[in-house]
Each structure stands twice: as C-alpha cells, then as structure tokens.
Amino acid sequence: MIYGRKDKKRILTGDRPTGPLHIGHYLGSLKNRVALQDEYEQYILIADVQALTDNFDNPEKISNNIVNVALDYLGVGIDPDKSSIILQSQIPELF
C-alpha cells in the first residue's frame, strides 16, 4: 500500500526538542516549512528519541520541551491540516 498523495513530493524534516525554538530556527527552516506545506506532503518530526543521545542524563529536558516545540510549529503557521507533526517516540516501527 502506498501512503500519502501521489501528486505531491514528500518532505521529512524536524527538530530535536532540546530547548525553545528561536529566530534562527525560523529563518533557517520554519519559514520554508510554512511556505512549502501547500506544495509538498510534509512530515515534521519532533525527534525526542534522537535528542536523548546526548541528553541521556537529563531526559526531563527533552520531555519538557516537546509541547513547546509543537506549539512553536503551530505559532509560526504550520497547519496540521496540511503538514503532519509526528513525535518520534510514538512511532512503534522504530522500536
């Protein structure tokens, strides 16, 4: 079975929730994600599992930032009807 729309190319991008997003995130990638969400089938990963690789002594830092990163995505204009926001730790196929 093929998932997604065949008429659009796909983008997978994301961020590690190690702290609040900032203007560098906006100028470097978030602005483009908003602009491309009509043209592409877009998946935006909150990479919480990946963030644990160098934050294993402080997992609370990661879990405390997940909601804030998701809210930042919505705040800059990522539309959940156009882009899928995915929490990496909730993908059972990875484990």
N, C-alpha and C. Protein backbone atom coordinates (compact mmCIF):
# COMPACT_ATOMS: atom_id res chain seq x y z
N MET A 1 0.84 -1.18 0.00
CA MET A 1 0.00 0.00 0.00
C MET A 1 0.89 1.25 0.00
N ILE A 2 0.53 2.22 -0.78
CA ILE A 2 1.26 3.48 -0.84
C ILE A 2 0.49 4.49 -0.01
N TYR A 3 1.20 5.11 0.93
CA TYR A 3 0.58 6.12 1.79
C TYR A 3 0.80 7.49 1.21
N GLY A 4 -0.11 8.39 1.51
CA GLY A 4 0.07 9.78 1.10
C GLY A 4 -0.49 10.03 -0.29
N ARG A 5 -0.30 11.24 -0.72
CA ARG A 5 -0.80 11.66 -2.02
C ARG A 5 0.26 11.45 -3.08
N LYS A 6 -0.15 10.88 -4.19
CA LYS A 6 0.78 10.61 -5.28
C LYS A 6 1.14 11.85 -6.07
N ASP A 7 0.31 12.89 -6.00
CA ASP A 7 0.53 14.08 -6.81
C ASP A 7 1.49 15.08 -6.16
N LYS A 8 1.96 14.80 -4.97
CA LYS A 8 2.88 15.70 -4.28
C LYS A 8 4.15 14.96 -3.89
N LYS A 9 5.26 15.67 -3.97
CA LYS A 9 6.51 15.13 -3.45
C LYS A 9 6.47 15.24 -1.94
N ARG A 10 7.32 14.45 -1.28
CA ARG A 10 7.32 14.36 0.17
C ARG A 10 8.53 15.04 0.78
N ILE A 11 8.33 15.64 1.95
CA ILE A 11 9.41 16.23 2.74
C ILE A 11 9.33 15.63 4.14
N LEU A 12 10.49 15.21 4.66
CA LEU A 12 10.61 14.83 6.07
C LEU A 12 11.64 15.76 6.67
N THR A 13 11.25 16.46 7.70
CA THR A 13 12.13 17.40 8.38
C THR A 13 11.79 17.37 9.86
N GLY A 14 12.53 18.08 10.66
CA GLY A 14 12.19 18.10 12.07
C GLY A 14 13.23 18.78 12.93
N ASP A 15 12.97 18.71 14.23
CA ASP A 15 13.82 19.33 15.22
C ASP A 15 13.91 18.45 16.45
N ARG A 16 15.04 18.56 17.13
CA ARG A 16 15.22 17.90 18.42
C ARG A 16 14.70 18.84 19.50
N PRO A 17 13.85 18.37 20.41
CA PRO A 17 13.28 19.25 21.43
C PRO A 17 14.22 19.45 22.62
N THR A 18 15.35 20.08 22.37
CA THR A 18 16.35 20.27 23.42
C THR A 18 16.24 21.65 24.07
N GLY A 19 15.35 22.48 23.58
CA GLY A 19 15.15 23.82 24.12
C GLY A 19 14.17 24.57 23.25
N PRO A 20 13.89 25.81 23.61
CA PRO A 20 12.93 26.57 22.81
C PRO A 20 13.47 26.88 21.42
N LEU A 21 12.57 26.91 20.46
CA LEU A 21 12.96 27.33 19.12
C LEU A 21 13.19 28.84 19.14
N HIS A 22 14.00 29.33 18.21
CA HIS A 22 14.37 30.74 18.21
C HIS A 22 14.38 31.28 16.79
N ILE A 23 14.78 32.53 16.65
CA ILE A 23 14.74 33.20 15.34
C ILE A 23 15.59 32.46 14.31
N GLY A 24 16.67 31.84 14.73
CA GLY A 24 17.49 31.05 13.81
C GLY A 24 16.73 29.88 13.23
N HIS A 25 15.91 29.22 14.04
CA HIS A 25 15.06 28.14 13.53
C HIS A 25 14.07 28.69 12.51
N TYR A 26 13.51 29.84 12.85
CA TYR A 26 12.51 30.43 11.94
C TYR A 26 13.13 30.78 10.59
N LEU A 27 14.22 31.52 10.63
CA LEU A 27 14.85 31.95 9.38
C LEU A 27 15.49 30.78 8.63
N GLY A 28 16.00 29.80 9.36
CA GLY A 28 16.70 28.69 8.73
C GLY A 28 15.81 27.59 8.19
N SER A 29 14.64 27.38 8.80
CA SER A 29 13.82 26.27 8.31
C SER A 29 12.32 26.45 8.48
N LEU A 30 11.87 27.00 9.59
CA LEU A 30 10.43 27.06 9.83
C LEU A 30 9.69 27.88 8.78
N LYS A 31 10.27 28.99 8.39
CA LYS A 31 9.66 29.85 7.37
C LYS A 31 9.46 29.07 6.06
N ASN A 32 10.45 28.27 5.69
CA ASN A 32 10.34 27.46 4.48
C ASN A 32 9.31 26.36 4.62
N ARG A 33 9.21 25.76 5.80
CA ARG A 33 8.21 24.71 6.01
C ARG A 33 6.81 25.25 5.81
N VAL A 34 6.56 26.44 6.32
CA VAL A 34 5.24 27.07 6.14
C VAL A 34 4.98 27.31 4.66
N ALA A 35 5.98 27.84 3.96
CA ALA A 35 5.82 28.16 2.54
C ALA A 35 5.61 26.92 1.68
N LEU A 36 6.21 25.80 2.06
CA LEU A 36 6.16 24.59 1.24
C LEU A 36 5.02 23.64 1.57
N GLN A 37 4.28 23.91 2.63
CA GLN A 37 3.28 22.93 3.05
C GLN A 37 2.10 22.79 2.09
N ASP A 38 1.89 23.76 1.22
CA ASP A 38 0.83 23.61 0.21
C ASP A 38 1.31 22.81 -0.99
N GLU A 39 2.59 22.85 -1.23
CA GLU A 39 3.16 22.23 -2.42
C GLU A 39 3.64 20.79 -2.19
N TYR A 40 3.98 20.46 -0.95
CA TYR A 40 4.56 19.16 -0.63
C TYR A 40 3.74 18.45 0.43
N GLU A 41 3.81 17.13 0.43
CA GLU A 41 3.31 16.31 1.51
C GLU A 41 4.41 16.36 2.57
N GLN A 42 4.15 17.04 3.68
CA GLN A 42 5.20 17.36 4.63
C GLN A 42 4.99 16.65 5.97
N TYR A 43 6.07 16.03 6.44
CA TYR A 43 6.09 15.38 7.74
C TYR A 43 7.15 16.08 8.58
N ILE A 44 6.74 16.57 9.75
CA ILE A 44 7.66 17.29 10.62
C ILE A 44 7.82 16.48 11.90
N LEU A 45 9.04 16.03 12.13
CA LEU A 45 9.36 15.13 13.22
C LEU A 45 9.86 15.91 14.43
N ILE A 46 9.25 15.67 15.57
CA ILE A 46 9.82 16.12 16.83
C ILE A 46 10.67 14.94 17.31
N ALA A 47 11.98 15.08 17.14
CA ALA A 47 12.93 13.96 17.30
C ALA A 47 13.35 13.80 18.76
N ASP A 48 12.40 13.37 19.60
CA ASP A 48 12.70 13.23 21.02
C ASP A 48 13.62 12.06 21.33
N VAL A 49 13.50 10.98 20.60
CA VAL A 49 14.39 9.83 20.83
C VAL A 49 15.82 10.19 20.42
N GLN A 50 15.97 10.81 19.29
CA GLN A 50 17.29 11.23 18.83
C GLN A 50 17.93 12.21 19.81
N ALA A 51 17.12 13.08 20.40
CA ALA A 51 17.65 14.07 21.35
C ALA A 51 18.22 13.43 22.61
N LEU A 52 17.78 12.22 22.91
CA LEU A 52 18.28 11.54 24.11
C LEU A 52 19.72 11.07 23.96
N THR A 53 20.23 11.01 22.74
CA THR A 53 21.59 10.51 22.55
C THR A 53 22.62 11.35 23.28
N ASP A 54 22.40 12.65 23.36
CA ASP A 54 23.35 13.49 24.11
C ASP A 54 22.69 14.20 25.29
N ASN A 55 21.51 13.74 25.67
CA ASN A 55 20.81 14.27 26.85
C ASN A 55 20.32 13.14 27.74
N PHE A 56 20.99 12.00 27.71
CA PHE A 56 20.52 10.83 28.45
C PHE A 56 20.54 11.04 29.96
N ASP A 57 21.36 11.95 30.45
CA ASP A 57 21.40 12.24 31.89
C ASP A 57 20.27 13.18 32.32
N ASN A 58 19.58 13.77 31.36
CA ASN A 58 18.53 14.74 31.68
C ASN A 58 17.34 14.58 30.73
N PRO A 59 16.65 13.44 30.78
CA PRO A 59 15.52 13.22 29.86
C PRO A 59 14.36 14.19 30.09
N GLU A 60 14.27 14.76 31.30
CA GLU A 60 13.21 15.72 31.56
C GLU A 60 13.35 16.95 30.66
N LYS A 61 14.57 17.30 30.32
CA LYS A 61 14.81 18.43 29.43
C LYS A 61 14.09 18.21 28.10
N ILE A 62 14.15 16.99 27.62
CA ILE A 62 13.51 16.65 26.35
C ILE A 62 11.99 16.64 26.49
N SER A 63 11.50 15.91 27.48
CA SER A 63 10.05 15.78 27.63
C SER A 63 9.39 17.12 27.93
N ASN A 64 10.09 18.01 28.63
CA ASN A 64 9.54 19.33 28.94
C ASN A 64 9.45 20.23 27.73
N ASN A 65 10.21 19.95 26.69
CA ASN A 65 10.22 20.82 25.51
C ASN A 65 9.35 20.33 24.36
N ILE A 66 8.83 19.13 24.43
CA ILE A 66 8.04 18.58 23.32
C ILE A 66 6.83 19.44 22.99
N VAL A 67 6.03 19.77 23.99
CA VAL A 67 4.82 20.56 23.77
C VAL A 67 5.19 21.95 23.26
N ASN A 68 6.25 22.54 23.82
CA ASN A 68 6.65 23.88 23.39
C ASN A 68 7.06 23.91 21.93
N VAL A 69 7.78 22.88 21.48
CA VAL A 69 8.18 22.82 20.07
C VAL A 69 6.94 22.68 19.19
N ALA A 70 6.00 21.83 19.58
CA ALA A 70 4.77 21.67 18.81
C ALA A 70 3.99 22.99 18.75
N LEU A 71 3.93 23.70 19.87
CA LEU A 71 3.23 24.99 19.89
C LEU A 71 3.94 26.02 19.02
N ASP A 72 5.27 25.98 19.02
CA ASP A 72 6.03 26.88 18.14
C ASP A 72 5.71 26.61 16.68
N TYR A 73 5.61 25.31 16.32
CA TYR A 73 5.25 24.96 14.94
C TYR A 73 3.92 25.59 14.57
N LEU A 74 2.93 25.43 15.43
CA LEU A 74 1.60 25.98 15.16
C LEU A 74 1.65 27.50 15.13
N GLY A 75 2.43 28.08 16.02
CA GLY A 75 2.52 29.53 16.12
C GLY A 75 3.12 30.20 14.89
N VAL A 76 4.03 29.52 14.21
CA VAL A 76 4.64 30.13 13.01
C VAL A 76 3.80 29.87 11.76
N GLY A 77 2.78 29.03 11.87
CA GLY A 77 1.90 28.82 10.72
C GLY A 77 1.90 27.42 10.14
N ILE A 78 2.55 26.47 10.80
CA ILE A 78 2.44 25.09 10.34
C ILE A 78 0.99 24.67 10.57
N ASP A 79 0.33 24.25 9.51
CA ASP A 79 -1.08 23.90 9.56
C ASP A 79 -1.21 22.38 9.65
N PRO A 80 -1.76 21.87 10.76
CA PRO A 80 -1.88 20.41 10.90
C PRO A 80 -2.80 19.75 9.87
N ASP A 81 -3.58 20.55 9.15
CA ASP A 81 -4.38 20.00 8.05
C ASP A 81 -3.55 19.84 6.78
N LYS A 82 -2.38 20.47 6.74
CA LYS A 82 -1.51 20.40 5.57
C LYS A 82 -0.21 19.67 5.83
N SER A 83 0.24 19.65 7.07
CA SER A 83 1.51 19.02 7.45
C SER A 83 1.26 18.10 8.64
N SER A 84 1.94 16.97 8.66
CA SER A 84 1.82 16.04 9.78
C SER A 84 2.95 16.29 10.76
N ILE A 85 2.60 16.56 12.01
CA ILE A 85 3.59 16.72 13.07
C ILE A 85 3.63 15.39 13.82
N ILE A 86 4.83 14.81 13.89
CA ILE A 86 4.98 13.46 14.41
C ILE A 86 5.97 13.46 15.57
N LEU A 87 5.61 12.80 16.66
CA LEU A 87 6.52 12.61 17.78
C LEU A 87 7.25 11.28 17.59
N GLN A 88 8.56 11.36 17.45
CA GLN A 88 9.37 10.19 17.09
C GLN A 88 9.14 9.01 18.04
N SER A 89 9.03 9.26 19.33
CA SER A 89 8.87 8.17 20.29
C SER A 89 7.53 7.46 20.16
N GLN A 90 6.61 7.99 19.39
CA GLN A 90 5.30 7.37 19.21
C GLN A 90 5.19 6.58 17.91
N ILE A 91 6.31 6.35 17.25
CA ILE A 91 6.32 5.55 16.03
C ILE A 91 6.77 4.13 16.42
N PRO A 92 5.82 3.20 16.55
CA PRO A 92 6.17 1.86 17.05
C PRO A 92 7.13 1.10 16.15
N GLU A 93 7.15 1.40 14.86
CA GLU A 93 8.03 0.70 13.94
C GLU A 93 9.51 0.99 14.21
N LEU A 94 9.81 2.01 14.96
CA LEU A 94 11.20 2.34 15.28
C LEU A 94 11.77 1.51 16.42
N PHE A 95 10.90 0.78 17.10
CA PHE A 95 11.38 0.05 18.28
C PHE A 95 11.22 -1.44 18.15
